[in-house]
Amino acid sequence: MRIAMWSGPRNLSTAMMYGFGNRGDCAVVDEPFYAAYLAMTGFEHPMREEILDSQSQDPNTVAEALLGPVPAAKPYFYQKHMTQHMIDGVPRDWMREVSNVFLIRHPARVIASYAAKRENPVLDDIGFRQQAELYDLCCSWGQSPVVVDSHDIRDDPATKLEQLCEAVGMPPSPKMTSWPKGGHVNDGVWASVWYGAVWNSTGFAGPEGPLPEVPEVLLPVLEAAMPFYQALKGKKI
């Protein structure tokens, strides 16, 4: 079974990859389209050259690998994807062959966290528009994609991860709520920039507090992202 988990940045996605990776029966891959995205857009991201050197820059080659042999011949393959990487020219037909799951988080939390790493993100940096479009695409194929809210996972990781596994037809595992400190062998090369908090963790953080205050300059981004978030929130498990 192949599970494609779709989220924007700063959305519990790395912790989720660590949880699935700790099962023992599940291979994981970290943002396989990142190098292709940077090569196709020319965007300047932290560690750009290292990222370009670490992955295939051909999105078709990446897509073929996602449907190819599962690493270590494991029965499950968890694919951590960023929705903003799915620009024009990146194939989507391969998504018909996987179980697509959409991981959502309130835009105010995403914007506040992202802005702390990169200044003044725009809507397309945080992936909400692309996430809604990919969800609709899956539905147009007759799929019933799963939506899970990171807020709910942090409230009760064991229960929500069990529900998620059942929703995709995967046996639950208590190993998914924790992982060894220090990162994962399959982390992308960019991990040192973005994954510090997860590297220092051994499990999901506790329940989230009140929504953070979004800087005034970023309020238009919040306003633009909210309809996409609300649409998917209404479909969450």
C-alpha atoms as a PDB file:
ATOM      1  CA  MET A   1       0.000   0.000   0.000  1.00  0.00           C
ATOM      2  CA  ARG A   2       1.209   3.493  -0.904  1.00  0.00           C
ATOM      3  CA  ILE A   3      -0.006   6.467   1.112  1.00  0.00           C
ATOM      4  CA  ALA A   4       0.540   9.941  -0.309  1.00  0.00           C
ATOM      5  CA  MET A   5       0.190  12.495   2.489  1.00  0.00           C
ATOM      6  CA  TRP A   6      -0.494  15.995   1.188  1.00  0.00           C
ATOM      7  CA  SER A   7       0.099  19.097   3.270  1.00  0.00           C
ATOM      8  CA  GLY A   8       1.646  22.524   3.181  1.00  0.00           C
ATOM      9  CA  PRO A   9       4.735  23.407   5.215  1.00  0.00           C
ATOM     10  CA  ARG A  10       4.771  23.730   9.029  1.00  0.00           C
ATOM     11  CA  ASN A  11       1.891  21.295   9.324  1.00  0.00           C
ATOM     12  CA  LEU A  12       3.001  18.354  11.508  1.00  0.00           C
ATOM     13  CA  SER A  13       4.067  16.610   8.313  1.00  0.00           C
ATOM     14  CA  THR A  14       7.545  15.652   9.526  1.00  0.00           C
ATOM     15  CA  ALA A  15       6.218  14.258  12.813  1.00  0.00           C
ATOM     16  CA  MET A  16       3.704  12.227  10.812  1.00  0.00           C
ATOM     17  CA  MET A  17       6.502  10.844   8.637  1.00  0.00           C
ATOM     18  CA  TYR A  18       8.440   9.903  11.777  1.00  0.00           C
ATOM     19  CA  GLY A  19       5.368   8.181  13.224  1.00  0.00           C
ATOM     20  CA  PHE A  20       4.782   6.081  10.123  1.00  0.00           C
ATOM     21  CA  GLY A  21       8.503   5.426   9.780  1.00  0.00           C
ATOM     22  CA  ASN A  22       8.663   4.054  13.324  1.00  0.00           C
ATOM     23  CA  ARG A  23       6.167   1.273  12.567  1.00  0.00           C
ATOM     24  CA  GLY A  24       8.879  -0.993  11.184  1.00  0.00           C
ATOM     25  CA  ASP A  25       6.726  -2.183   8.277  1.00  0.00           C
ATOM     26  CA  CYS A  26       6.552   1.162   6.465  1.00  0.00           C
ATOM     27  CA  ALA A  27       9.088   2.819   4.159  1.00  0.00           C
ATOM     28  CA  VAL A  28       9.014   6.613   3.971  1.00  0.00           C
ATOM     29  CA  VAL A  29      10.156   9.266   1.526  1.00  0.00           C
ATOM     30  CA  ASP A  30      10.565  12.951   2.328  1.00  0.00           C
ATOM     31  CA  GLU A  31       9.250  15.534  -0.192  1.00  0.00           C
ATOM     32  CA  PRO A  32      10.464  13.747  -3.328  1.00  0.00           C
ATOM     33  CA  PHE A  33       9.423  16.558  -5.703  1.00  0.00           C
ATOM     34  CA  TYR A  34      11.352  19.282  -3.846  1.00  0.00           C
ATOM     35  CA  ALA A  35      14.377  19.357  -6.176  1.00  0.00           C
ATOM     36  CA  ALA A  36      12.165  19.276  -9.264  1.00  0.00           C
ATOM     37  CA  TYR A  37      10.132  22.157  -7.849  1.00  0.00           C
ATOM     38  CA  LEU A  38      13.219  24.281  -7.225  1.00  0.00           C
ATOM     39  CA  ALA A  39      14.694  23.454 -10.620  1.00  0.00           C
ATOM     40  CA  MET A  40      11.461  24.292 -12.447  1.00  0.00           C
ATOM     41  CA  THR A  41      10.749  27.530 -10.585  1.00  0.00           C
ATOM     42  CA  GLY A  42      14.235  28.849  -9.929  1.00  0.00           C
ATOM     43  CA  PHE A  43      13.155  29.762  -6.401  1.00  0.00           C
ATOM     44  CA  GLU A  44      15.843  30.517  -3.859  1.00  0.00           C
ATOM     45  CA  HIS A  45      15.247  28.357  -0.784  1.00  0.00           C
ATOM     46  CA  PRO A  46      17.651  27.588   2.052  1.00  0.00           C
ATOM     47  CA  MET A  47      20.151  24.917   0.914  1.00  0.00           C
ATOM     48  CA  ARG A  48      18.927  25.159  -2.677  1.00  0.00           C
ATOM     49  CA  GLU A  49      22.053  23.655  -4.257  1.00  0.00           C
ATOM     50  CA  GLU A  50      22.223  20.799  -1.764  1.00  0.00           C
ATOM     51  CA  ILE A  51      18.579  19.963  -2.446  1.00  0.00           C
ATOM     52  CA  LEU A  52      19.090  20.027  -6.210  1.00  0.00           C
ATOM     53  CA  ASP A  53      22.027  17.640  -5.832  1.00  0.00           C
ATOM     54  CA  SER A  54      20.195  15.261  -3.492  1.00  0.00           C
ATOM     55  CA  GLN A  55      17.148  14.309  -5.605  1.00  0.00           C
ATOM     56  CA  SER A  56      16.128  13.837  -9.201  1.00  0.00           C
ATOM     57  CA  GLN A  57      15.146  17.136 -10.795  1.00  0.00           C
ATOM     58  CA  ASP A  58      12.958  15.342 -13.355  1.00  0.00           C
ATOM     59  CA  PRO A  59       9.388  15.151 -12.013  1.00  0.00           C
ATOM     60  CA  ASN A  60       8.527  12.238 -14.301  1.00  0.00           C
ATOM     61  CA  THR A  61      11.418  10.214 -12.909  1.00  0.00           C
ATOM     62  CA  VAL A  62      10.207  11.013  -9.396  1.00  0.00           C
ATOM     63  CA  ALA A  63       6.650   9.923 -10.215  1.00  0.00           C
ATOM     64  CA  GLU A  64       7.882   6.637 -11.664  1.00  0.00           C
ATOM     65  CA  ALA A  65       9.876   5.938  -8.502  1.00  0.00           C
ATOM     66  CA  LEU A  66       6.848   6.589  -6.299  1.00  0.00           C
ATOM     67  CA  LEU A  67       5.040   3.758  -8.086  1.00  0.00           C
ATOM     68  CA  GLY A  68       8.122   1.548  -8.401  1.00  0.00           C
ATOM     69  CA  PRO A  69       9.547  -0.978  -5.958  1.00  0.00           C
ATOM     70  CA  VAL A  70       8.970  -0.006  -2.343  1.00  0.00           C
ATOM     71  CA  PRO A  71      12.227   0.601  -0.454  1.00  0.00           C
ATOM     72  CA  ALA A  72      13.353  -2.458   1.515  1.00  0.00           C
ATOM     73  CA  ALA A  73      10.341  -4.319   0.031  1.00  0.00           C
ATOM     74  CA  LYS A  74       8.179  -3.179   2.924  1.00  0.00           C
ATOM     75  CA  PRO A  75       4.392  -3.646   2.669  1.00  0.00           C
ATOM     76  CA  TYR A  76       3.619   0.046   3.215  1.00  0.00           C
ATOM     77  CA  PHE A  77       5.118   3.155   1.667  1.00  0.00           C
ATOM     78  CA  TYR A  78       4.432   6.554   3.242  1.00  0.00           C
ATOM     79  CA  GLN A  79       5.121   9.471   0.913  1.00  0.00           C
ATOM     80  CA  LYS A  80       5.366  12.921   2.480  1.00  0.00           C
ATOM     81  CA  HIS A  81       4.406  15.518  -0.131  1.00  0.00           C
ATOM     82  CA  MET A  82       4.163  19.302  -0.127  1.00  0.00           C
ATOM     83  CA  THR A  83       1.177  20.536  -2.117  1.00  0.00           C
ATOM     84  CA  GLN A  84       3.007  23.666  -3.276  1.00  0.00           C
ATOM     85  CA  HIS A  85       5.492  21.454  -5.136  1.00  0.00           C
ATOM     86  CA  MET A  86       2.763  20.308  -7.550  1.00  0.00           C
ATOM     87  CA  ILE A  87       3.182  23.103 -10.074  1.00  0.00           C
ATOM     88  CA  ASP A  88       2.338  22.907 -13.779  1.00  0.00           C
ATOM     89  CA  GLY A  89       4.568  20.323 -15.407  1.00  0.00           C
ATOM     90  CA  VAL A  90       4.620  17.984 -12.411  1.00  0.00           C
ATOM     91  CA  PRO A  91       2.608  14.842 -13.289  1.00  0.00           C
ATOM     92  CA  ARG A  92      -0.492  13.921 -11.330  1.00  0.00           C
ATOM     93  CA  ASP A  93      -1.752  10.742 -12.984  1.00  0.00           C
ATOM     94  CA  TRP A  94       0.393   8.629 -10.658  1.00  0.00           C
ATOM     95  CA  MET A  95      -1.854   9.827  -7.807  1.00  0.00           C
ATOM     96  CA  ARG A  96      -4.584   7.529  -9.158  1.00  0.00           C
ATOM     97  CA  GLU A  97      -2.523   4.559  -7.942  1.00  0.00           C
ATOM     98  CA  VAL A  98      -2.067   5.599  -4.303  1.00  0.00           C
ATOM     99  CA  SER A  99      -4.197   6.318  -1.241  1.00  0.00           C
ATOM    100  CA  ASN A 100      -4.304  10.104  -0.979  1.00  0.00           C
ATOM    101  CA  VAL A 101      -4.583  11.724   2.449  1.00  0.00           C
ATOM    102  CA  PHE A 102      -4.786  15.456   3.127  1.00  0.00           C
ATOM    103  CA  LEU A 103      -3.247  16.806   6.318  1.00  0.00           C
ATOM    104  CA  ILE A 104      -4.666  20.208   7.237  1.00  0.00           C
ATOM    105  CA  ARG A 105      -3.813  22.854   9.821  1.00  0.00           C
ATOM    106  CA  HIS A 106      -5.298  26.251  10.633  1.00  0.00           C
ATOM    107  CA  PRO A 107      -3.651  28.852   8.347  1.00  0.00           C
ATOM    108  CA  ALA A 108      -2.843  31.190  11.242  1.00  0.00           C
ATOM    109  CA  ARG A 109      -0.617  28.518  12.792  1.00  0.00           C
ATOM    110  CA  VAL A 110       1.024  27.692   9.472  1.00  0.00           C
ATOM    111  CA  ILE A 111       1.693  31.341   8.607  1.00  0.00           C
ATOM    112  CA  ALA A 112       3.141  32.172  12.018  1.00  0.00           C
ATOM    113  CA  SER A 113       5.446  29.141  11.947  1.00  0.00           C
ATOM    114  CA  TYR A 114       6.526  29.617   8.335  1.00  0.00           C
ATOM    115  CA  ALA A 115       7.173  33.339   8.743  1.00  0.00           C
ATOM    116  CA  ALA A 116       9.579  32.537  11.576  1.00  0.00           C
ATOM    117  CA  LYS A 117      11.729  30.625   9.055  1.00  0.00           C
ATOM    118  CA  ARG A 118      11.142  32.612   5.846  1.00  0.00           C
ATOM    119  CA  GLU A 119       9.867  36.176   5.827  1.00  0.00           C
ATOM    120  CA  ASN A 120       6.549  37.214   4.325  1.00  0.00           C
ATOM    121  CA  PRO A 121       5.195  34.041   2.695  1.00  0.00           C
ATOM    122  CA  VAL A 122       2.592  34.414  -0.062  1.00  0.00           C
ATOM    123  CA  LEU A 123      -0.440  32.178  -0.501  1.00  0.00           C
ATOM    124  CA  ASP A 124       1.272  29.775  -2.891  1.00  0.00           C
ATOM    125  CA  ASP A 125       4.148  29.266  -0.411  1.00  0.00           C
ATOM    126  CA  ILE A 126       1.866  27.654   2.166  1.00  0.00           C
ATOM    127  CA  GLY A 127      -0.024  25.288  -0.123  1.00  0.00           C
ATOM    128  CA  PHE A 128      -3.682  25.756   0.857  1.00  0.00           C
ATOM    129  CA  ARG A 129      -4.920  26.559  -2.644  1.00  0.00           C
ATOM    130  CA  GLN A 130      -3.005  23.651  -4.140  1.00  0.00           C
ATOM    131  CA  GLN A 131      -4.224  21.314  -1.409  1.00  0.00           C
ATOM    132  CA  ALA A 132      -7.869  22.046  -2.210  1.00  0.00           C
ATOM    133  CA  GLU A 133      -7.231  21.622  -5.934  1.00  0.00           C
ATOM    134  CA  LEU A 134      -5.539  18.256  -5.454  1.00  0.00           C
ATOM    135  CA  TYR A 135      -8.372  17.087  -3.216  1.00  0.00           C
ATOM    136  CA  ASP A 136     -10.903  18.014  -5.881  1.00  0.00           C
ATOM    137  CA  LEU A 137      -8.819  16.247  -8.518  1.00  0.00           C
ATOM    138  CA  CYS A 138      -8.822  13.016  -6.504  1.00  0.00           C
ATOM    139  CA  CYS A 139     -12.577  13.262  -6.087  1.00  0.00           C
ATOM    140  CA  SER A 140     -13.004  13.765  -9.840  1.00  0.00           C
ATOM    141  CA  TRP A 141     -11.356  10.357 -10.325  1.00  0.00           C
ATOM    142  CA  GLY A 142     -13.904   8.714  -8.049  1.00  0.00           C
ATOM    143  CA  GLN A 143     -11.553   8.484  -5.079  1.00  0.00           C
ATOM    144  CA  SER A 144     -12.636   9.219  -1.519  1.00  0.00           C
ATOM    145  CA  PRO A 145      -9.524  10.918  -0.134  1.00  0.00           C
ATOM    146  CA  VAL A 146      -9.085  11.112   3.620  1.00  0.00           C
ATOM    147  CA  VAL A 147      -8.717  14.453   5.429  1.00  0.00           C
ATOM    148  CA  VAL A 148      -7.125  14.643   8.878  1.00  0.00           C
ATOM    149  CA  ASP A 149      -6.523  17.742  10.988  1.00  0.00           C
ATOM    150  CA  SER A 150      -3.160  18.129  12.715  1.00  0.00           C
ATOM    151  CA  HIS A 151      -4.959  19.823  15.614  1.00  0.00           C
ATOM    152  CA  ASP A 152      -6.896  16.606  16.275  1.00  0.00           C
ATOM    153  CA  ILE A 153      -3.751  14.489  16.080  1.00  0.00           C
ATOM    154  CA  ARG A 154      -2.026  16.606  18.718  1.00  0.00           C
ATOM    155  CA  ASP A 155      -5.117  16.421  20.925  1.00  0.00           C
ATOM    156  CA  ASP A 156      -5.138  12.609  20.923  1.00  0.00           C
ATOM    157  CA  PRO A 157      -2.426  11.013  18.758  1.00  0.00           C
ATOM    158  CA  ALA A 158      -3.244   7.379  19.531  1.00  0.00           C
ATOM    159  CA  THR A 159      -6.947   7.631  18.744  1.00  0.00           C
ATOM    160  CA  LYS A 160      -6.635   9.819  15.663  1.00  0.00           C
ATOM    161  CA  LEU A 161      -3.802   7.782  14.133  1.00  0.00           C
ATOM    162  CA  GLU A 162      -5.822   4.633  14.674  1.00  0.00           C
ATOM    163  CA  GLN A 163      -8.759   6.261  12.871  1.00  0.00           C
ATOM    164  CA  LEU A 164      -6.446   7.352  10.056  1.00  0.00           C
ATOM    165  CA  CYS A 165      -5.045   3.864   9.609  1.00  0.00           C
ATOM    166  CA  GLU A 166      -8.530   2.389   9.523  1.00  0.00           C
ATOM    167  CA  ALA A 167      -9.627   4.999   6.973  1.00  0.00           C
ATOM    168  CA  VAL A 168      -6.876   3.991   4.538  1.00  0.00           C
ATOM    169  CA  GLY A 169      -7.127   0.246   5.238  1.00  0.00           C
ATOM    170  CA  MET A 170      -3.872  -0.079   7.172  1.00  0.00           C
ATOM    171  CA  PRO A 171      -3.545  -1.912  10.493  1.00  0.00           C
ATOM    172  CA  PRO A 172      -2.962   0.532  13.368  1.00  0.00           C
ATOM    173  CA  SER A 173       0.264   0.375  15.346  1.00  0.00           C
ATOM    174  CA  PRO A 174       1.000   1.814  18.794  1.00  0.00           C
ATOM    175  CA  LYS A 175       4.547   2.500  17.569  1.00  0.00           C
ATOM    176  CA  MET A 176       3.269   5.442  15.508  1.00  0.00           C
ATOM    177  CA  THR A 177       2.955   7.808  18.476  1.00  0.00           C
ATOM    178  CA  SER A 178       6.702   7.947  19.212  1.00  0.00           C
ATOM    179  CA  TRP A 179      10.110   7.771  17.554  1.00  0.00           C
ATOM    180  CA  PRO A 180      13.797   7.954  18.523  1.00  0.00           C
ATOM    181  CA  LYS A 181      15.236  11.396  19.174  1.00  0.00           C
ATOM    182  CA  GLY A 182      17.587  12.811  16.556  1.00  0.00           C
ATOM    183  CA  GLY A 183      15.822  12.595  13.198  1.00  0.00           C
ATOM    184  CA  HIS A 184      15.141   9.919  10.601  1.00  0.00           C
ATOM    185  CA  VAL A 185      17.566   8.273   8.187  1.00  0.00           C
ATOM    186  CA  ASN A 186      15.316   9.325   5.293  1.00  0.00           C
ATOM    187  CA  ASP A 187      15.144  13.017   6.192  1.00  0.00           C
ATOM    188  CA  GLY A 188      15.727  15.336   3.262  1.00  0.00           C
ATOM    189  CA  VAL A 189      19.020  17.240   3.231  1.00  0.00           C
ATOM    190  CA  TRP A 190      17.090  20.391   4.206  1.00  0.00           C
ATOM    191  CA  ALA A 191      16.195  18.891   7.594  1.00  0.00           C
ATOM    192  CA  SER A 192      18.803  20.912   9.499  1.00  0.00           C
ATOM    193  CA  VAL A 193      16.975  24.107   8.498  1.00  0.00           C
ATOM    194  CA  TRP A 194      13.406  23.042   9.190  1.00  0.00           C
ATOM    195  CA  TYR A 195      13.272  19.992  11.478  1.00  0.00           C
ATOM    196  CA  GLY A 196      15.012  21.153  14.643  1.00  0.00           C
ATOM    197  CA  ALA A 197      11.991  20.842  16.923  1.00  0.00           C
ATOM    198  CA  VAL A 198      11.099  17.369  15.626  1.00  0.00           C
ATOM    199  CA  TRP A 199      14.711  16.194  15.926  1.00  0.00           C
ATOM    200  CA  ASN A 200      14.546  17.066  19.627  1.00  0.00           C
ATOM    201  CA  SER A 201      11.238  15.263  20.131  1.00  0.00           C
ATOM    202  CA  THR A 202      10.312  11.657  20.794  1.00  0.00           C
ATOM    203  CA  GLY A 203       6.605  12.006  20.036  1.00  0.00           C
ATOM    204  CA  PHE A 204       3.841  14.395  19.056  1.00  0.00           C
ATOM    205  CA  ALA A 205       3.661  17.694  20.896  1.00  0.00           C
ATOM    206  CA  GLY A 206       0.698  18.234  23.221  1.00  0.00           C
ATOM    207  CA  PRO A 207      -2.566  19.992  22.384  1.00  0.00           C
ATOM    208  CA  GLU A 208      -2.251  23.331  20.625  1.00  0.00           C
ATOM    209  CA  GLY A 209      -2.957  26.544  22.500  1.00  0.00           C
ATOM    210  CA  PRO A 210      -4.832  29.630  21.268  1.00  0.00           C
ATOM    211  CA  LEU A 211      -4.296  30.721  17.677  1.00  0.00           C
ATOM    212  CA  PRO A 212      -1.202  32.880  17.241  1.00  0.00           C
ATOM    213  CA  GLU A 213      -1.472  36.495  16.220  1.00  0.00           C
ATOM    214  CA  VAL A 214      -0.663  36.908  12.528  1.00  0.00           C
ATOM    215  CA  PRO A 215       1.353  40.018  11.602  1.00  0.00           C
ATOM    216  CA  GLU A 216      -0.748  42.653   9.895  1.00  0.00           C
ATOM    217  CA  VAL A 217       1.266  42.408   6.699  1.00  0.00           C
ATOM    218  CA  LEU A 218       0.292  38.734   6.423  1.00  0.00           C
ATOM    219  CA  LEU A 219      -3.428  39.109   7.158  1.00  0.00           C
ATOM    220  CA  PRO A 220      -4.280  39.086   3.416  1.00  0.00           C
ATOM    221  CA  VAL A 221      -2.556  35.698   3.131  1.00  0.00           C
ATOM    222  CA  LEU A 222      -4.581  34.405   6.074  1.00  0.00           C
ATOM    223  CA  GLU A 223      -7.823  35.697   4.564  1.00  0.00           C
ATOM    224  CA  ALA A 224      -7.043  34.070   1.215  1.00  0.00           C
ATOM    225  CA  ALA A 225      -6.133  30.716   2.784  1.00  0.00           C
ATOM    226  CA  MET A 226      -9.117  30.372   5.113  1.00  0.00           C
ATOM    227  CA  PRO A 227     -11.760  29.318   2.519  1.00  0.00           C
ATOM    228  CA  PHE A 228      -9.562  26.450   1.308  1.00  0.00           C
ATOM    229  CA  TYR A 229      -8.917  25.313   4.875  1.00  0.00           C
ATOM    230  CA  GLN A 230     -12.583  25.529   5.860  1.00  0.00           C
ATOM    231  CA  ALA A 231     -13.655  23.519   2.815  1.00  0.00           C
ATOM    232  CA  LEU A 232     -11.378  20.626   3.749  1.00  0.00           C
ATOM    233  CA  LYS A 233     -12.021  20.933   7.468  1.00  0.00           C
ATOM    234  CA  GLY A 234     -15.656  20.060   6.782  1.00  0.00           C
ATOM    235  CA  LYS A 235     -14.518  16.696   5.374  1.00  0.00           C
ATOM    236  CA  LYS A 236     -12.066  15.608   8.087  1.00  0.00           C
ATOM    237  CA  ILE A 237     -12.310  12.283   9.884  1.00  0.00           C
END
